[in-house]
């Protein structure tokens, strides 16, 4: 069973999902961790209550660890 950590914060108004993804990818490349970039922009019309099955963010896997997902929601308190 995996461990799930939920962090509550907020995006700086001048920050972006794409910028966050670029930072995480840069770190993953430096440490040569496997990583996958998913959707890099939130939907233009925003989110609705129906789940669109898309992943927004980036996943990375350090050696001897499970996969991590760094993601967010345009109106969430996360990140």
C-alpha atoms as a PDB file:
ATOM      1  CA  UNK A   1       0.000   0.000   0.000  1.00  0.00           C
ATOM      2  CA  UNK A   2       1.347   3.415  -0.951  1.00  0.00           C
ATOM      3  CA  UNK A   3       1.622   6.513   1.142  1.00  0.00           C
ATOM      4  CA  UNK A   4      -0.370   9.593   0.179  1.00  0.00           C
ATOM      5  CA  UNK A   5       0.661  13.040   1.352  1.00  0.00           C
ATOM      6  CA  UNK A   6      -1.645  15.977   0.747  1.00  0.00           C
ATOM      7  CA  UNK A   7      -0.225  19.454   1.089  1.00  0.00           C
ATOM      8  CA  UNK A   8      -2.355  22.548   1.261  1.00  0.00           C
ATOM      9  CA  UNK A   9      -1.038  25.847  -0.026  1.00  0.00           C
ATOM     10  CA  UNK A  10      -1.660  28.110  -2.991  1.00  0.00           C
ATOM     11  CA  UNK A  11      -0.072  29.138  -6.268  1.00  0.00           C
ATOM     12  CA  UNK A  12       1.611  32.504  -6.304  1.00  0.00           C
ATOM     13  CA  UNK A  13      -0.458  34.624  -8.727  1.00  0.00           C
ATOM     14  CA  UNK A  14       2.617  35.019 -10.951  1.00  0.00           C
ATOM     15  CA  UNK A  15       3.309  31.233 -10.942  1.00  0.00           C
ATOM     16  CA  UNK A  16       1.948  28.685 -13.369  1.00  0.00           C
ATOM     17  CA  UNK A  17       1.368  24.958 -13.621  1.00  0.00           C
ATOM     18  CA  UNK A  18       3.739  24.851 -16.578  1.00  0.00           C
ATOM     19  CA  UNK A  19       6.444  26.641 -14.581  1.00  0.00           C
ATOM     20  CA  UNK A  20       6.065  24.207 -11.698  1.00  0.00           C
ATOM     21  CA  UNK A  21       6.315  21.265 -14.101  1.00  0.00           C
ATOM     22  CA  UNK A  22       9.500  22.714 -15.635  1.00  0.00           C
ATOM     23  CA  UNK A  23      11.094  23.014 -12.168  1.00  0.00           C
ATOM     24  CA  UNK A  24      10.213  19.422 -11.214  1.00  0.00           C
ATOM     25  CA  UNK A  25      11.463  18.080 -14.581  1.00  0.00           C
ATOM     26  CA  UNK A  26      14.736  19.971 -14.135  1.00  0.00           C
ATOM     27  CA  UNK A  27      15.254  18.354 -10.717  1.00  0.00           C
ATOM     28  CA  UNK A  28      14.316  14.914 -12.088  1.00  0.00           C
ATOM     29  CA  UNK A  29      16.836  15.294 -14.921  1.00  0.00           C
ATOM     30  CA  UNK A  30      19.633  16.366 -12.563  1.00  0.00           C
ATOM     31  CA  UNK A  31      19.078  13.249 -10.437  1.00  0.00           C
ATOM     32  CA  UNK A  32      18.305  11.076 -13.497  1.00  0.00           C
ATOM     33  CA  UNK A  33      14.882  10.084 -12.168  1.00  0.00           C
ATOM     34  CA  UNK A  34      12.271   8.670 -14.512  1.00  0.00           C
ATOM     35  CA  UNK A  35       9.572  11.281 -15.101  1.00  0.00           C
ATOM     36  CA  UNK A  36       6.493  11.876 -17.232  1.00  0.00           C
ATOM     37  CA  UNK A  37       4.882  15.174 -18.093  1.00  0.00           C
ATOM     38  CA  UNK A  38       1.097  15.131 -18.330  1.00  0.00           C
ATOM     39  CA  UNK A  39      -1.229  18.040 -19.156  1.00  0.00           C
ATOM     40  CA  UNK A  40       0.725  21.293 -18.794  1.00  0.00           C
ATOM     41  CA  UNK A  41      -2.182  23.748 -18.904  1.00  0.00           C
ATOM     42  CA  UNK A  42      -5.480  23.785 -17.079  1.00  0.00           C
ATOM     43  CA  UNK A  43      -8.600  23.660 -19.298  1.00  0.00           C
ATOM     44  CA  UNK A  44      -9.493  27.027 -20.872  1.00  0.00           C
ATOM     45  CA  UNK A  45     -13.058  26.982 -19.562  1.00  0.00           C
ATOM     46  CA  UNK A  46     -11.962  25.887 -16.100  1.00  0.00           C
ATOM     47  CA  UNK A  47     -12.995  22.742 -14.315  1.00  0.00           C
ATOM     48  CA  UNK A  48     -16.528  21.536 -13.940  1.00  0.00           C
ATOM     49  CA  UNK A  49     -17.866  18.906 -11.580  1.00  0.00           C
ATOM     50  CA  UNK A  50     -17.375  16.093 -14.118  1.00  0.00           C
ATOM     51  CA  UNK A  51     -13.977  14.381 -13.925  1.00  0.00           C
ATOM     52  CA  UNK A  52     -12.260  14.640 -17.316  1.00  0.00           C
ATOM     53  CA  UNK A  53      -9.776  11.793 -16.586  1.00  0.00           C
ATOM     54  CA  UNK A  54      -6.777  14.004 -17.384  1.00  0.00           C
ATOM     55  CA  UNK A  55      -3.761  14.368 -15.146  1.00  0.00           C
ATOM     56  CA  UNK A  56      -2.438  17.900 -14.724  1.00  0.00           C
ATOM     57  CA  UNK A  57       1.192  17.991 -13.642  1.00  0.00           C
ATOM     58  CA  UNK A  58       4.211  15.707 -13.642  1.00  0.00           C
ATOM     59  CA  UNK A  59       5.109  12.325 -12.169  1.00  0.00           C
ATOM     60  CA  UNK A  60       8.614  11.261 -11.159  1.00  0.00           C
ATOM     61  CA  UNK A  61      10.151   8.148  -9.641  1.00  0.00           C
ATOM     62  CA  UNK A  62      13.328   8.312  -7.542  1.00  0.00           C
ATOM     63  CA  UNK A  63      15.327   5.048  -7.227  1.00  0.00           C
ATOM     64  CA  UNK A  64      13.868   2.518  -4.781  1.00  0.00           C
ATOM     65  CA  UNK A  65      10.705   4.605  -4.374  1.00  0.00           C
ATOM     66  CA  UNK A  66       7.165   4.679  -5.650  1.00  0.00           C
ATOM     67  CA  UNK A  67       5.986   7.188  -8.234  1.00  0.00           C
ATOM     68  CA  UNK A  68       5.238  10.741  -7.049  1.00  0.00           C
ATOM     69  CA  UNK A  69       2.638  12.988  -8.652  1.00  0.00           C
ATOM     70  CA  UNK A  70       2.984  16.764  -8.421  1.00  0.00           C
ATOM     71  CA  UNK A  71      -0.282  18.241  -9.566  1.00  0.00           C
ATOM     72  CA  UNK A  72      -2.765  20.942  -8.883  1.00  0.00           C
ATOM     73  CA  UNK A  73      -6.136  22.393  -9.704  1.00  0.00           C
ATOM     74  CA  UNK A  74      -6.572  25.934 -11.022  1.00  0.00           C
ATOM     75  CA  UNK A  75      -8.813  26.879  -8.083  1.00  0.00           C
ATOM     76  CA  UNK A  76      -7.458  24.529  -5.434  1.00  0.00           C
ATOM     77  CA  UNK A  77      -5.614  25.410  -2.292  1.00  0.00           C
ATOM     78  CA  UNK A  78      -3.038  22.757  -3.203  1.00  0.00           C
ATOM     79  CA  UNK A  79       0.521  23.605  -4.216  1.00  0.00           C
END
